[in-house]
Amino acid sequence: AFKGLENLQTLLLRSNSLQELEVPFFLPLRSLLHLN
């Protein structure tokens, strides 16, 4: 879902009923500064 978003700095995932986080989710997000 985040492929090609290497420069993304803010990711807002508040109130999305996420039950788990998986490693591939984070791999393309190398510039992330804010994660909600």
Full PDB file with SEQRES, HELIX, SHEET, SSBOND, CRYST1, ORIGX, SCALE, CONECT and MASTER records, all heavy atoms in Angstrom:
SEQRES   1 A   36  ALA PHE LYS GLY LEU GLU ASN LEU GLN THR LEU LEU LEU          
SEQRES   2 A   36  ARG SER ASN SER LEU GLN GLU LEU GLU VAL PRO PHE PHE          
SEQRES   3 A   36  LEU PRO LEU ARG SER LEU LEU HIS LEU ASN                      
HELIX    1 AA1 VAL A   23  PHE A   26  1                                   4    
SHEET    1 AA1 2 THR A  10  LEU A  11  0                                        
SHEET    2 AA1 2 HIS A  34  LEU A  35  1                                        
CRYST1    1.000    1.000    1.000  90.00  90.00  90.00 P 1           1          
ORIGX1      1.000000  0.000000  0.000000        0.00000                         
ORIGX2      0.000000  1.000000  0.000000        0.00000                         
ORIGX3      0.000000  0.000000  1.000000        0.00000                         
SCALE1      1.000000  0.000000  0.000000        0.00000                         
SCALE2      0.000000  1.000000  0.000000        0.00000                         
SCALE3      0.000000  0.000000  1.000000        0.00000                         
ATOM      1  N   ALA A   1       0.812  -1.202   0.000  1.00  0.00           N  
ATOM      2  CA  ALA A   1       0.000   0.000   0.000  1.00  0.00           C  
ATOM      3  C   ALA A   1       0.856   1.268   0.000  1.00  0.00           C  
ATOM      4  O   ALA A   1       0.424   2.285  -0.510  1.00  0.00           O  
ATOM      5  CB  ALA A   1      -0.920   0.004   1.207  1.00  0.00           C  
ATOM      6  N   PHE A   2       2.058   1.207   0.555  1.00  0.00           N  
ATOM      7  CA  PHE A   2       2.896   2.397   0.656  1.00  0.00           C  
ATOM      8  C   PHE A   2       4.068   2.373  -0.318  1.00  0.00           C  
ATOM      9  O   PHE A   2       4.970   3.180  -0.205  1.00  0.00           O  
ATOM     10  CB  PHE A   2       3.397   2.559   2.092  1.00  0.00           C  
ATOM     11  CG  PHE A   2       2.279   2.721   3.071  1.00  0.00           C  
ATOM     12  CD1 PHE A   2       1.962   1.701   3.954  1.00  0.00           C  
ATOM     13  CD2 PHE A   2       1.523   3.880   3.103  1.00  0.00           C  
ATOM     14  CE1 PHE A   2       0.922   1.841   4.849  1.00  0.00           C  
ATOM     15  CE2 PHE A   2       0.480   4.023   3.987  1.00  0.00           C  
ATOM     16  CZ  PHE A   2       0.164   3.007   4.869  1.00  0.00           C  
ATOM     17  N   LYS A   3       4.027   1.471  -1.274  1.00  0.00           N  
ATOM     18  CA  LYS A   3       5.095   1.384  -2.269  1.00  0.00           C  
ATOM     19  C   LYS A   3       5.163   2.692  -3.051  1.00  0.00           C  
ATOM     20  O   LYS A   3       4.147   3.234  -3.465  1.00  0.00           O  
ATOM     21  CB  LYS A   3       4.838   0.214  -3.209  1.00  0.00           C  
ATOM     22  CG  LYS A   3       5.968  -0.057  -4.162  1.00  0.00           C  
ATOM     23  CD  LYS A   3       5.665  -1.279  -4.999  1.00  0.00           C  
ATOM     24  CE  LYS A   3       6.821  -1.548  -5.937  1.00  0.00           C  
ATOM     25  NZ  LYS A   3       6.579  -2.722  -6.766  1.00  0.00           N  
ATOM     26  N   GLY A   4       6.368   3.213  -3.218  1.00  0.00           N  
ATOM     27  CA  GLY A   4       6.561   4.467  -3.933  1.00  0.00           C  
ATOM     28  C   GLY A   4       6.425   5.705  -3.071  1.00  0.00           C  
ATOM     29  O   GLY A   4       6.501   6.818  -3.565  1.00  0.00           O  
ATOM     30  N   LEU A   5       6.217   5.533  -1.781  1.00  0.00           N  
ATOM     31  CA  LEU A   5       6.055   6.668  -0.870  1.00  0.00           C  
ATOM     32  C   LEU A   5       7.260   6.812   0.053  1.00  0.00           C  
ATOM     33  O   LEU A   5       7.116   7.096   1.240  1.00  0.00           O  
ATOM     34  CB  LEU A   5       4.767   6.512  -0.055  1.00  0.00           C  
ATOM     35  CG  LEU A   5       3.472   6.487  -0.866  1.00  0.00           C  
ATOM     36  CD1 LEU A   5       2.282   6.228   0.037  1.00  0.00           C  
ATOM     37  CD2 LEU A   5       3.288   7.794  -1.612  1.00  0.00           C  
ATOM     38  N   GLU A   6       8.449   6.659  -0.492  1.00  0.00           N  
ATOM     39  CA  GLU A   6       9.670   6.706   0.307  1.00  0.00           C  
ATOM     40  C   GLU A   6       9.870   8.046   1.003  1.00  0.00           C  
ATOM     41  O   GLU A   6      10.551   8.129   2.018  1.00  0.00           O  
ATOM     42  CB  GLU A   6      10.905   6.412  -0.559  1.00  0.00           C  
ATOM     43  CG  GLU A   6      10.927   5.039  -1.172  1.00  0.00           C  
ATOM     44  CD  GLU A   6      10.136   4.963  -2.481  1.00  0.00           C  
ATOM     45  OE1 GLU A   6       9.832   6.019  -3.066  1.00  0.00           O  
ATOM     46  OE2 GLU A   6       9.806   3.835  -2.886  1.00  0.00           O  
ATOM     47  N   ASN A   7       9.281   9.119   0.486  1.00  0.00           N  
ATOM     48  CA  ASN A   7       9.452  10.449   1.067  1.00  0.00           C  
ATOM     49  C   ASN A   7       8.324  10.851   2.018  1.00  0.00           C  
ATOM     50  O   ASN A   7       8.313  11.984   2.508  1.00  0.00           O  
ATOM     51  CB  ASN A   7       9.592  11.496  -0.044  1.00  0.00           C  
ATOM     52  CG  ASN A   7      10.838  11.272  -0.864  1.00  0.00           C  
ATOM     53  OD1 ASN A   7      11.888  10.932  -0.324  1.00  0.00           O  
ATOM     54  ND2 ASN A   7      10.728  11.418  -2.162  1.00  0.00           N  
ATOM     55  N   LEU A   8       7.382   9.956   2.264  1.00  0.00           N  
ATOM     56  CA  LEU A   8       6.274  10.244   3.174  1.00  0.00           C  
ATOM     57  C   LEU A   8       6.818  10.557   4.567  1.00  0.00           C  
ATOM     58  O   LEU A   8       7.606   9.802   5.119  1.00  0.00           O  
ATOM     59  CB  LEU A   8       5.329   9.050   3.240  1.00  0.00           C  
ATOM     60  CG  LEU A   8       4.052   9.253   4.050  1.00  0.00           C  
ATOM     61  CD1 LEU A   8       3.135  10.234   3.321  1.00  0.00           C  
ATOM     62  CD2 LEU A   8       3.348   7.927   4.247  1.00  0.00           C  
ATOM     63  N   GLN A   9       6.396  11.675   5.153  1.00  0.00           N  
ATOM     64  CA  GLN A   9       6.902  12.085   6.457  1.00  0.00           C  
ATOM     65  C   GLN A   9       5.869  11.937   7.563  1.00  0.00           C  
ATOM     66  O   GLN A   9       6.232  11.766   8.723  1.00  0.00           O  
ATOM     67  CB  GLN A   9       7.406  13.520   6.399  1.00  0.00           C  
ATOM     68  CG  GLN A   9       8.618  13.666   5.518  1.00  0.00           C  
ATOM     69  CD  GLN A   9       9.161  15.075   5.532  1.00  0.00           C  
ATOM     70  OE1 GLN A   9       8.605  15.979   6.129  1.00  0.00           O  
ATOM     71  NE2 GLN A   9      10.281  15.262   4.867  1.00  0.00           N  
ATOM     72  N   THR A  10       4.591  12.025   7.247  1.00  0.00           N  
ATOM     73  CA  THR A  10       3.533  11.918   8.243  1.00  0.00           C  
ATOM     74  C   THR A  10       2.531  10.867   7.805  1.00  0.00           C  
ATOM     75  O   THR A  10       2.035  10.912   6.678  1.00  0.00           O  
ATOM     76  CB  THR A  10       2.811  13.271   8.422  1.00  0.00           C  
ATOM     77  OG1 THR A  10       3.765  14.247   8.851  1.00  0.00           O  
ATOM     78  CG2 THR A  10       1.710  13.173   9.453  1.00  0.00           C  
ATOM     79  N   LEU A  11       2.233   9.930   8.702  1.00  0.00           N  
ATOM     80  CA  LEU A  11       1.258   8.882   8.419  1.00  0.00           C  
ATOM     81  C   LEU A  11       0.253   8.844   9.564  1.00  0.00           C  
ATOM     82  O   LEU A  11       0.612   8.561  10.707  1.00  0.00           O  
ATOM     83  CB  LEU A  11       1.949   7.525   8.254  1.00  0.00           C  
ATOM     84  CG  LEU A  11       1.059   6.343   7.892  1.00  0.00           C  
ATOM     85  CD1 LEU A  11       0.272   6.609   6.604  1.00  0.00           C  
ATOM     86  CD2 LEU A  11       1.879   5.083   7.773  1.00  0.00           C  
ATOM     87  N   LEU A  12      -0.995   9.160   9.249  1.00  0.00           N  
ATOM     88  CA  LEU A  12      -2.063   9.213  10.242  1.00  0.00           C  
ATOM     89  C   LEU A  12      -2.959   7.992  10.073  1.00  0.00           C  
ATOM     90  O   LEU A  12      -3.728   7.912   9.114  1.00  0.00           O  
ATOM     91  CB  LEU A  12      -2.879  10.502  10.077  1.00  0.00           C  
ATOM     92  CG  LEU A  12      -2.076  11.798  10.072  1.00  0.00           C  
ATOM     93  CD1 LEU A  12      -2.967  12.985   9.759  1.00  0.00           C  
ATOM     94  CD2 LEU A  12      -1.349  11.983  11.384  1.00  0.00           C  
ATOM     95  N   LEU A  13      -2.836   7.048  10.993  1.00  0.00           N  
ATOM     96  CA  LEU A  13      -3.640   5.830  10.959  1.00  0.00           C  
ATOM     97  C   LEU A  13      -4.514   5.725  12.206  1.00  0.00           C  
ATOM     98  O   LEU A  13      -4.879   4.633  12.630  1.00  0.00           O  
ATOM     99  CB  LEU A  13      -2.729   4.606  10.830  1.00  0.00           C  
ATOM    100  CG  LEU A  13      -1.974   4.505   9.515  1.00  0.00           C  
ATOM    101  CD1 LEU A  13      -0.973   3.362   9.551  1.00  0.00           C  
ATOM    102  CD2 LEU A  13      -2.945   4.329   8.350  1.00  0.00           C  
ATOM    103  N   ARG A  14      -4.853   6.842  12.775  1.00  0.00           N  
ATOM    104  CA  ARG A  14      -5.669   6.903  13.982  1.00  0.00           C  
ATOM    105  C   ARG A  14      -7.071   6.357  13.701  1.00  0.00           C  
ATOM    106  O   ARG A  14      -7.655   6.605  12.645  1.00  0.00           O  
ATOM    107  CB  ARG A  14      -5.756   8.356  14.432  1.00  0.00           C  
ATOM    108  CG  ARG A  14      -6.578   8.556  15.644  1.00  0.00           C  
ATOM    109  CD  ARG A  14      -6.669  10.020  15.989  1.00  0.00           C  
ATOM    110  NE  ARG A  14      -7.441  10.132  17.215  1.00  0.00           N  
ATOM    111  CZ  ARG A  14      -7.157  10.933  18.199  1.00  0.00           C  
ATOM    112  NH1 ARG A  14      -6.137  11.750  18.096  1.00  0.00           N  
ATOM    113  NH2 ARG A  14      -7.886  10.948  19.277  1.00  0.00           N  
ATOM    114  N   SER A  15      -7.585   5.593  14.657  1.00  0.00           N  
ATOM    115  CA  SER A  15      -8.972   5.099  14.626  1.00  0.00           C  
ATOM    116  C   SER A  15      -9.291   4.300  13.371  1.00  0.00           C  
ATOM    117  O   SER A  15     -10.311   4.521  12.719  1.00  0.00           O  
ATOM    118  CB  SER A  15      -9.947   6.283  14.773  1.00  0.00           C  
ATOM    119  OG  SER A  15      -9.700   6.986  15.970  1.00  0.00           O  
ATOM    120  N   ASN A  16      -8.438   3.350  13.041  1.00  0.00           N  
ATOM    121  CA  ASN A  16      -8.655   2.500  11.874  1.00  0.00           C  
ATOM    122  C   ASN A  16      -8.865   1.031  12.228  1.00  0.00           C  
ATOM    123  O   ASN A  16      -8.816   0.179  11.350  1.00  0.00           O  
ATOM    124  CB  ASN A  16      -7.469   2.620  10.906  1.00  0.00           C  
ATOM    125  CG  ASN A  16      -7.588   3.822  10.023  1.00  0.00           C  
ATOM    126  OD1 ASN A  16      -8.421   3.862   9.128  1.00  0.00           O  
ATOM    127  ND2 ASN A  16      -6.770   4.829  10.265  1.00  0.00           N  
ATOM    128  N   SER A  17      -9.036   0.723  13.482  1.00  0.00           N  
ATOM    129  CA  SER A  17      -9.265  -0.652  13.946  1.00  0.00           C  
ATOM    130  C   SER A  17      -8.126  -1.598  13.583  1.00  0.00           C  
ATOM    131  O   SER A  17      -8.335  -2.797  13.402  1.00  0.00           O  
ATOM    132  CB  SER A  17     -10.595  -1.202  13.401  1.00  0.00           C  
ATOM    133  OG  SER A  17     -11.665  -0.395  13.815  1.00  0.00           O  
ATOM    134  N   LEU A  18      -6.889  -1.064  13.458  1.00  0.00           N  
ATOM    135  CA  LEU A  18      -5.732  -1.918  13.163  1.00  0.00           C  
ATOM    136  C   LEU A  18      -5.482  -2.859  14.332  1.00  0.00           C  
ATOM    137  O   LEU A  18      -5.424  -2.435  15.483  1.00  0.00           O  
ATOM    138  CB  LEU A  18      -4.490  -1.066  12.922  1.00  0.00           C  
ATOM    139  CG  LEU A  18      -4.522  -0.139  11.721  1.00  0.00           C  
ATOM    140  CD1 LEU A  18      -3.267   0.722  11.684  1.00  0.00           C  
ATOM    141  CD2 LEU A  18      -4.677  -0.927  10.438  1.00  0.00           C  
ATOM    142  N   GLN A  19      -5.332  -4.145  14.045  1.00  0.00           N  
ATOM    143  CA  GLN A  19      -5.098  -5.145  15.078  1.00  0.00           C  
ATOM    144  C   GLN A  19      -3.643  -5.552  15.172  1.00  0.00           C  
ATOM    145  O   GLN A  19      -3.217  -6.069  16.203  1.00  0.00           O  
ATOM    146  CB  GLN A  19      -5.969  -6.366  14.822  1.00  0.00           C  
ATOM    147  CG  GLN A  19      -7.440  -6.065  14.926  1.00  0.00           C  
ATOM    148  CD  GLN A  19      -8.300  -7.284  14.653  1.00  0.00           C  
ATOM    149  OE1 GLN A  19      -7.805  -8.377  14.406  1.00  0.00           O  
ATOM    150  NE2 GLN A  19      -9.592  -7.090  14.691  1.00  0.00           N  
ATOM    151  N   GLU A  20      -2.886  -5.362  14.099  1.00  0.00           N  
ATOM    152  CA  GLU A  20      -1.470  -5.711  14.113  1.00  0.00           C  
ATOM    153  C   GLU A  20      -0.716  -4.899  13.075  1.00  0.00           C  
ATOM    154  O   GLU A  20      -1.303  -4.362  12.140  1.00  0.00           O  
ATOM    155  CB  GLU A  20      -1.264  -7.203  13.882  1.00  0.00           C  
ATOM    156  CG  GLU A  20      -1.708  -7.685  12.521  1.00  0.00           C  
ATOM    157  CD  GLU A  20      -1.514  -9.179  12.337  1.00  0.00           C  
ATOM    158  OE1 GLU A  20      -0.455  -9.699  12.739  1.00  0.00           O  
ATOM    159  OE2 GLU A  20      -2.418  -9.816  11.791  1.00  0.00           O  
ATOM    160  N   LEU A  21       0.584  -4.818  13.281  1.00  0.00           N  
ATOM    161  CA  LEU A  21       1.469  -4.148  12.341  1.00  0.00           C  
ATOM    162  C   LEU A  21       2.437  -5.178  11.808  1.00  0.00           C  
ATOM    163  O   LEU A  21       2.943  -6.002  12.561  1.00  0.00           O  
ATOM    164  CB  LEU A  21       2.247  -3.028  13.043  1.00  0.00           C  
ATOM    165  CG  LEU A  21       1.410  -1.947  13.702  1.00  0.00           C  
ATOM    166  CD1 LEU A  21       2.308  -1.014  14.485  1.00  0.00           C  
ATOM    167  CD2 LEU A  21       0.612  -1.179  12.662  1.00  0.00           C  
ATOM    168  N   GLU A  22       2.694  -5.142  10.516  1.00  0.00           N  
ATOM    169  CA  GLU A  22       3.595  -6.103   9.908  1.00  0.00           C  
ATOM    170  C   GLU A  22       4.831  -5.399   9.381  1.00  0.00           C  
ATOM    171  O   GLU A  22       4.771  -4.253   8.946  1.00  0.00           O  
ATOM    172  CB  GLU A  22       2.878  -6.866   8.799  1.00  0.00           C  
ATOM    173  CG  GLU A  22       1.714  -7.698   9.329  1.00  0.00           C  
ATOM    174  CD  GLU A  22       1.038  -8.511   8.243  1.00  0.00           C  
ATOM    175  OE1 GLU A  22       1.598  -8.628   7.144  1.00  0.00           O  
ATOM    176  OE2 GLU A  22      -0.051  -9.033   8.515  1.00  0.00           O  
ATOM    177  N   VAL A  23       5.959  -6.094   9.399  1.00  0.00           N  
ATOM    178  CA  VAL A  23       7.241  -5.532   8.983  1.00  0.00           C  
ATOM    179  C   VAL A  23       7.186  -4.924   7.585  1.00  0.00           C  
ATOM    180  O   VAL A  23       7.656  -3.805   7.382  1.00  0.00           O  
ATOM    181  CB  VAL A  23       8.364  -6.584   9.103  1.00  0.00           C  
ATOM    182  CG1 VAL A  23       9.651  -6.075   8.501  1.00  0.00           C  
ATOM    183  CG2 VAL A  23       8.555  -6.969  10.562  1.00  0.00           C  
ATOM    184  N   PRO A  24       6.612  -5.583   6.574  1.00  0.00           N  
ATOM    185  CA  PRO A  24       6.600  -4.985   5.233  1.00  0.00           C  
ATOM    186  C   PRO A  24       5.928  -3.612   5.185  1.00  0.00           C  
ATOM    187  O   PRO A  24       6.236  -2.795   4.342  1.00  0.00           O  
ATOM    188  CB  PRO A  24       5.824  -5.999   4.389  1.00  0.00           C  
ATOM    189  CG  PRO A  24       6.010  -7.293   5.097  1.00  0.00           C  
ATOM    190  CD  PRO A  24       6.049  -6.932   6.568  1.00  0.00           C  
ATOM    191  N   PHE A  25       5.034  -3.361   6.117  1.00  0.00           N  
ATOM    192  CA  PHE A  25       4.361  -2.069   6.222  1.00  0.00           C  
ATOM    193  C   PHE A  25       5.376  -0.935   6.379  1.00  0.00           C  
ATOM    194  O   PHE A  25       5.253   0.123   5.773  1.00  0.00           O  
ATOM    195  CB  PHE A  25       3.408  -2.129   7.427  1.00  0.00           C  
ATOM    196  CG  PHE A  25       2.894  -0.807   7.907  1.00  0.00           C  
ATOM    197  CD1 PHE A  25       1.815  -0.219   7.280  1.00  0.00           C  
ATOM    198  CD2 PHE A  25       3.480  -0.170   8.982  1.00  0.00           C  
ATOM    199  CE1 PHE A  25       1.328   0.995   7.731  1.00  0.00           C  
ATOM    200  CE2 PHE A  25       3.003   1.040   9.433  1.00  0.00           C  
ATOM    201  CZ  PHE A  25       1.913   1.626   8.806  1.00  0.00           C  
ATOM    202  N   PHE A  26       6.409  -1.150   7.192  1.00  0.00           N  
ATOM    203  CA  PHE A  26       7.365  -0.104   7.513  1.00  0.00           C  
ATOM    204  C   PHE A  26       8.529   0.024   6.535  1.00  0.00           C  
ATOM    205  O   PHE A  26       9.149   1.073   6.460  1.00  0.00           O  
ATOM    206  CB  PHE A  26       7.954  -0.339   8.910  1.00  0.00           C  
ATOM    207  CG  PHE A  26       7.012   0.016  10.003  1.00  0.00           C  
ATOM    208  CD1 PHE A  26       6.247  -0.959  10.609  1.00  0.00           C  
ATOM    209  CD2 PHE A  26       6.876   1.321  10.431  1.00  0.00           C  
ATOM    210  CE1 PHE A  26       5.360  -0.641  11.619  1.00  0.00           C  
ATOM    211  CE2 PHE A  26       5.997   1.655  11.435  1.00  0.00           C  
ATOM    212  CZ  PHE A  26       5.231   0.668  12.031  1.00  0.00           C  
ATOM    213  N   LEU A  27       8.825  -1.007   5.815  1.00  0.00           N  
ATOM    214  CA  LEU A  27      10.039  -1.009   4.998  1.00  0.00           C  
ATOM    215  C   LEU A  27      10.139   0.132   3.985  1.00  0.00           C  
ATOM    216  O   LEU A  27      11.197   0.745   3.871  1.00  0.00           O  
ATOM    217  CB  LEU A  27      10.224  -2.364   4.332  1.00  0.00           C  
ATOM    218  CG  LEU A  27      10.485  -3.510   5.314  1.00  0.00           C  
ATOM    219  CD1 LEU A  27      10.629  -4.826   4.563  1.00  0.00           C  
ATOM    220  CD2 LEU A  27      11.694  -3.249   6.183  1.00  0.00           C  
ATOM    221  N   PRO A  28       9.078   0.480   3.250  1.00  0.00           N  
ATOM    222  CA  PRO A  28       9.235   1.582   2.291  1.00  0.00           C  
ATOM    223  C   PRO A  28       9.182   2.973   2.925  1.00  0.00           C  
ATOM    224  O   PRO A  28       9.468   3.967   2.265  1.00  0.00           O  
ATOM    225  CB  PRO A  28       8.056   1.389   1.327  1.00  0.00           C  
ATOM    226  CG  PRO A  28       7.061   0.601   2.060  1.00  0.00           C  
ATOM    227  CD  PRO A  28       7.809  -0.201   3.085  1.00  0.00           C  
ATOM    228  N   LEU A  29       8.856   3.069   4.199  1.00  0.00           N  
ATOM    229  CA  LEU A  29       8.634   4.364   4.857  1.00  0.00           C  
ATOM    230  C   LEU A  29       9.897   4.859   5.555  1.00  0.00           C  
ATOM    231  O   LEU A  29       9.914   5.103   6.759  1.00  0.00           O  
ATOM    232  CB  LEU A  29       7.471   4.249   5.848  1.00  0.00           C  
ATOM    233  CG  LEU A  29       6.152   3.777   5.243  1.00  0.00           C  
ATOM    234  CD1 LEU A  29       5.108   3.572   6.323  1.00  0.00           C  
ATOM    235  CD2 LEU A  29       5.652   4.746   4.194  1.00  0.00           C  
ATOM    236  N   ARG A  30      10.939   5.086   4.809  1.00  0.00           N  
ATOM    237  CA  ARG A  30      12.244   5.461   5.364  1.00  0.00           C  
ATOM    238  C   ARG A  30      12.324   6.906   5.828  1.00  0.00           C  
ATOM    239  O   ARG A  30      13.191   7.252   6.611  1.00  0.00           O  
ATOM    240  CB  ARG A  30      13.328   5.198   4.332  1.00  0.00           C  
ATOM    241  CG  ARG A  30      13.337   3.767   3.836  1.00  0.00           C  
ATOM    242  CD  ARG A  30      14.642   3.111   4.157  1.00  0.00           C  
ATOM    243  NE  ARG A  30      14.666   1.755   3.643  1.00  0.00           N  
ATOM    244  CZ  ARG A  30      14.719   0.712   4.438  1.00  0.00           C  
ATOM    245  NH1 ARG A  30      14.749   0.860   5.728  1.00  0.00           N  
ATOM    246  NH2 ARG A  30      14.762  -0.502   3.930  1.00  0.00           N  
ATOM    247  N   SER A  31      11.445   7.788   5.369  1.00  0.00           N  
ATOM    248  CA  SER A  31      11.497   9.210   5.726  1.00  0.00           C  
ATOM    249  C   SER A  31      10.460   9.596   6.770  1.00  0.00           C  
ATOM    250  O   SER A  31      10.284  10.775   7.065  1.00  0.00           O  
ATOM    251  CB  SER A  31      11.283  10.069   4.469  1.00  0.00           C  
ATOM    252  OG  SER A  31      12.280   9.818   3.521  1.00  0.00           O  
ATOM    253  N   LEU A  32       9.774   8.616   7.325  1.00  0.00           N  
ATOM    254  CA  LEU A  32       8.669   8.887   8.243  1.00  0.00           C  
ATOM    255  C   LEU A  32       9.149   9.608   9.501  1.00  0.00           C  
ATOM    256  O   LEU A  32      10.102   9.185  10.158  1.00  0.00           O  
ATOM    257  CB  LEU A  32       7.991   7.569   8.614  1.00  0.00           C  
ATOM    258  CG  LEU A  32       6.535   7.633   9.057  1.00  0.00           C  
ATOM    259  CD1 LEU A  32       5.671   8.293   8.010  1.00  0.00           C  
ATOM    260  CD2 LEU A  32       6.024   6.236   9.330  1.00  0.00           C  
ATOM    261  N   LEU A  33       8.492  10.718   9.828  1.00  0.00           N  
ATOM    262  CA  LEU A  33       8.810  11.501  11.027  1.00  0.00           C  
ATOM    263  C   LEU A  33       7.689  11.447  12.058  1.00  0.00           C  
ATOM    264  O   LEU A  33       7.934  11.582  13.246  1.00  0.00           O  
ATOM    265  CB  LEU A  33       9.064  12.970  10.657  1.00  0.00           C  
ATOM    266  CG  LEU A  33      10.222  13.230   9.706  1.00  0.00           C  
ATOM    267  CD1 LEU A  33      10.256  14.700   9.311  1.00  0.00           C  
ATOM    268  CD2 LEU A  33      11.529  12.794  10.336  1.00  0.00           C  
ATOM    269  N   HIS A  34       6.455  11.271  11.604  1.00  0.00           N  
ATOM    270  CA  HIS A  34       5.282  11.241  12.479  1.00  0.00           C  
ATOM    271  C   HIS A  34       4.426  10.028  12.136  1.00  0.00           C  
ATOM    272  O   HIS A  34       4.030   9.869  10.976  1.00  0.00           O  
ATOM    273  CB  HIS A  34       4.433  12.500  12.298  1.00  0.00           C  
ATOM    274  CG  HIS A  34       5.169  13.761  12.574  1.00  0.00           C  
ATOM    275  ND1 HIS A  34       5.823  14.453  11.592  1.00  0.00           N  
ATOM    276  CD2 HIS A  34       5.360  14.438  13.722  1.00  0.00           C  
ATOM    277  CE1 HIS A  34       6.391  15.518  12.118  1.00  0.00           C  
ATOM    278  NE2 HIS A  34       6.129  15.533  13.421  1.00  0.00           N  
ATOM    279  N   LEU A  35       4.128   9.213  13.141  1.00  0.00           N  
ATOM    280  CA  LEU A  35       3.266   8.048  12.962  1.00  0.00           C  
ATOM    281  C   LEU A  35       2.208   8.063  14.053  1.00  0.00           C  
ATOM    282  O   LEU A  35       2.521   8.004  15.237  1.00  0.00           O  
ATOM    283  CB  LEU A  35       4.081   6.750  13.032  1.00  0.00           C  
ATOM    284  CG  LEU A  35       3.290   5.448  12.943  1.00  0.00           C  
ATOM    285  CD1 LEU A  35       2.535   5.347  11.617  1.00  0.00           C  
ATOM    286  CD2 LEU A  35       4.214   4.254  13.140  1.00  0.00           C  
ATOM    287  N   ASN A  36       0.955   8.181  13.649  1.00  0.00           N  
ATOM    288  CA  ASN A  36      -0.150   8.202  14.601  1.00  0.00           C  
ATOM    289  C   ASN A  36      -0.925   6.898  14.491  1.00  0.00           C  
ATOM    290  O   ASN A  36      -1.586   6.637  13.492  1.00  0.00           O  
ATOM    291  CB  ASN A  36      -1.058   9.397  14.327  1.00  0.00           C  
ATOM    292  CG  ASN A  36      -2.130   9.562  15.382  1.00  0.00           C  
ATOM    293  OD1 ASN A  36      -2.548   8.607  16.010  1.00  0.00           O  
ATOM    294  ND2 ASN A  36      -2.589  10.784  15.563  1.00  0.00           N  
TER     295      ASN A  36                                                      
MASTER        0    0    0    1    2    0    0    6  294    1    0    3          
END                                                                             
